[in-house]
Amino acid sequence: MAKIEDEIKSSFRSVYEKLLVNLQLTNIRLGDELEQQFKEHDITSTQYNVLRILRGQHQNPVSIGLIKERMIDRNSDASRIVDRLAKKNLITRTENKIDRRQKDIIISDEGLALLSRMDKIMLNIDDRLNHLTEEEAEQMNDLLDKMRSKDE
């Protein structure tokens, strides 16, 4: 197991600084692997996130606002992402019958098919983490949740 100190040839002023750098490095390394998979399917990680949100709605139309609430990166421009997904025929947009200023967004059959293909790839990504036990993965999830809850 490679220690971060050895990997980046650095020391840290505190265990908390080491944790922060370790989180950043791990995020970048795993993120690079994911991005490569997304590129092969001509989508971005943010577009993938939106497609997963829409699939989770079970073909119920949703608004841009709901998508934005549930996105991992809430700084992303959800409207532009939806526009790009629509151009790729991965979603459909229709006028909301109650509020014509709103759009109803639903994942298309093409979008569902893409996610189905990507689900198989994501299982391979899981292999990247399966050297952790389920208990260790749960503990890591709990610790990450605890770190984020400090801001709430």
Protein backbone atom coordinates (compact mmCIF):
# COMPACT_ATOMS: atom_id res chain seq x y z
CA MET A 1 0.00 0.00 0.00
CA ALA A 2 1.52 3.30 -1.11
CA LYS A 3 1.50 6.01 1.52
CA ILE A 4 0.68 9.51 0.36
CA GLU A 5 3.94 10.87 1.79
CA ASP A 6 5.88 8.49 -0.48
CA GLU A 7 3.65 9.07 -3.48
CA ILE A 8 3.93 12.86 -3.53
CA LYS A 9 7.28 13.11 -1.70
CA SER A 10 5.98 15.52 0.91
CA SER A 11 5.31 15.84 4.60
CA PHE A 12 2.35 17.53 6.27
CA ARG A 13 2.00 20.07 9.06
CA SER A 14 -0.91 18.11 10.58
CA VAL A 15 -2.94 14.94 10.21
CA TYR A 16 -5.82 17.13 8.96
CA GLU A 17 -3.73 18.64 6.18
CA LYS A 18 -2.65 15.12 5.23
CA LEU A 19 -6.30 14.06 5.14
CA LEU A 20 -7.28 16.99 2.92
CA VAL A 21 -4.45 16.35 0.46
CA ASN A 22 -5.18 12.62 0.53
CA LEU A 23 -8.86 13.26 -0.29
CA GLN A 24 -7.89 15.57 -3.16
CA LEU A 25 -5.38 13.13 -4.60
CA THR A 26 -7.74 10.17 -4.32
CA ASN A 27 -10.58 12.16 -5.87
CA ILE A 28 -8.41 13.17 -8.81
CA ARG A 29 -7.04 9.67 -9.39
CA LEU A 30 -10.43 7.95 -9.25
CA GLY A 31 -12.05 10.84 -11.13
CA ASP A 32 -9.56 10.47 -13.98
CA GLU A 33 -10.53 6.82 -14.36
CA LEU A 34 -14.23 7.71 -14.40
CA GLU A 35 -13.73 10.56 -16.87
CA GLN A 36 -12.00 8.17 -19.26
CA GLN A 37 -15.05 5.91 -19.16
CA PHE A 38 -17.38 8.88 -19.72
CA LYS A 39 -15.32 10.09 -22.69
CA GLU A 40 -15.67 6.70 -24.33
CA HIS A 41 -19.46 7.23 -24.21
CA ASP A 42 -19.29 10.88 -25.28
CA ILE A 43 -20.66 12.31 -22.04
CA THR A 44 -19.25 14.15 -19.05
CA SER A 45 -19.47 13.13 -15.41
CA THR A 46 -22.00 15.92 -14.84
CA GLN A 47 -24.16 14.71 -17.73
CA TYR A 48 -23.95 11.19 -16.31
CA ASN A 49 -25.07 12.53 -12.93
CA VAL A 50 -28.11 14.23 -14.51
CA LEU A 51 -29.05 11.06 -16.42
CA ARG A 52 -28.88 9.04 -13.19
CA ILE A 53 -31.12 11.60 -11.45
CA LEU A 54 -33.66 11.34 -14.27
CA ARG A 55 -33.57 7.54 -14.29
CA GLY A 56 -34.25 7.62 -10.55
CA GLN A 57 -37.46 9.54 -11.20
CA HIS A 58 -38.99 6.49 -12.93
CA GLN A 59 -40.04 8.37 -16.06
CA ASN A 60 -41.80 11.08 -14.04
CA PRO A 61 -41.11 14.53 -15.52
CA VAL A 62 -38.86 16.77 -13.45
CA SER A 63 -37.86 20.42 -13.53
CA ILE A 64 -34.44 21.99 -13.84
CA GLY A 65 -34.80 23.01 -10.19
CA LEU A 66 -35.15 19.42 -8.99
CA ILE A 67 -32.16 18.36 -11.09
CA LYS A 68 -30.08 21.19 -9.66
CA GLU A 69 -31.05 20.23 -6.07
CA ARG A 70 -29.86 16.67 -6.56
CA MET A 71 -26.69 17.26 -8.55
CA ILE A 72 -23.35 16.37 -7.02
CA ASP A 73 -21.77 19.56 -8.38
CA ARG A 74 -24.37 22.21 -7.62
CA ASN A 75 -22.24 24.90 -9.25
CA SER A 76 -22.87 23.37 -12.66
CA ASP A 77 -25.23 25.07 -15.09
CA ALA A 78 -28.07 22.55 -15.12
CA SER A 79 -29.86 24.29 -18.01
CA ARG A 80 -26.86 23.98 -20.32
CA ILE A 81 -26.31 20.37 -19.31
CA VAL A 82 -29.96 19.60 -20.11
CA ASP A 83 -29.58 21.38 -23.48
CA ARG A 84 -26.57 19.20 -24.35
CA LEU A 85 -28.33 16.01 -23.29
CA ALA A 86 -31.35 16.98 -25.40
CA LYS A 87 -29.12 17.53 -28.45
CA LYS A 88 -27.77 14.01 -27.95
CA ASN A 89 -31.37 12.67 -27.70
CA LEU A 90 -30.65 11.32 -24.23
CA ILE A 91 -33.54 13.28 -22.68
CA THR A 92 -36.77 14.89 -23.81
CA ARG A 93 -38.01 18.34 -22.82
CA THR A 94 -41.62 19.37 -23.05
CA GLU A 95 -43.51 22.42 -21.89
CA ASN A 96 -45.05 22.06 -18.45
CA LYS A 97 -48.83 22.09 -18.76
CA ILE A 98 -49.32 24.12 -15.57
CA ASP A 99 -46.43 26.60 -15.85
CA ARG A 100 -45.39 27.28 -19.44
CA ARG A 101 -42.13 28.86 -18.24
CA GLN A 102 -41.06 25.48 -16.86
CA LYS A 103 -39.89 22.47 -18.85
CA ASP A 104 -40.68 18.87 -18.01
CA ILE A 105 -37.59 16.73 -18.46
CA ILE A 106 -37.59 12.95 -18.86
CA ILE A 107 -34.80 10.54 -19.73
CA SER A 108 -35.29 9.05 -23.21
CA ASP A 109 -35.02 5.41 -24.22
CA GLU A 110 -31.60 6.27 -25.67
CA GLY A 111 -30.58 7.76 -22.33
CA LEU A 112 -31.77 4.66 -20.48
CA ALA A 113 -29.87 2.43 -22.91
CA LEU A 114 -26.70 4.47 -22.41
CA LEU A 115 -26.99 4.20 -18.63
CA SER A 116 -27.59 0.46 -18.94
CA ARG A 117 -24.34 0.10 -20.90
CA MET A 118 -22.54 2.32 -18.43
CA ASP A 119 -23.86 0.34 -15.44
CA LYS A 120 -21.72 -2.56 -16.63
CA ILE A 121 -18.70 -0.27 -16.81
CA MET A 122 -19.40 1.13 -13.37
CA LEU A 123 -19.26 -2.41 -11.99
CA ASN A 124 -15.68 -2.52 -13.27
CA ILE A 125 -15.01 0.75 -11.46
CA ASP A 126 -16.34 -0.93 -8.29
CA ASP A 127 -13.50 -3.43 -8.73
CA ARG A 128 -11.14 -0.51 -8.12
CA LEU A 129 -12.48 -0.33 -4.56
CA ASN A 130 -13.30 -3.95 -3.77
CA HIS A 131 -10.07 -4.43 -1.83
CA LEU A 132 -11.93 -2.59 0.91
CA THR A 133 -14.33 -4.72 2.92
CA GLU A 134 -17.99 -3.69 2.92
CA GLU A 135 -17.53 -2.67 6.55
CA GLU A 136 -14.57 -0.44 5.62
CA ALA A 137 -16.57 1.09 2.75
CA GLU A 138 -19.47 1.81 5.12
CA GLN A 139 -17.08 3.33 7.65
CA MET A 140 -15.54 5.52 4.92
CA ASN A 141 -19.01 6.63 3.80
CA ASP A 142 -19.95 7.48 7.39
CA LEU A 143 -16.75 9.47 7.88
CA LEU A 144 -17.22 11.40 4.63
CA ASP A 145 -20.83 12.16 5.59
CA LYS A 146 -19.57 13.40 8.96
CA MET A 147 -16.99 15.65 7.27
CA ARG A 148 -19.64 17.26 5.05
CA SER A 149 -22.12 17.70 7.91
CA LYS A 150 -19.77 20.15 9.67
CA ASP A 151 -20.98 22.81 7.24
CA GLU A 152 -24.67 22.19 7.92
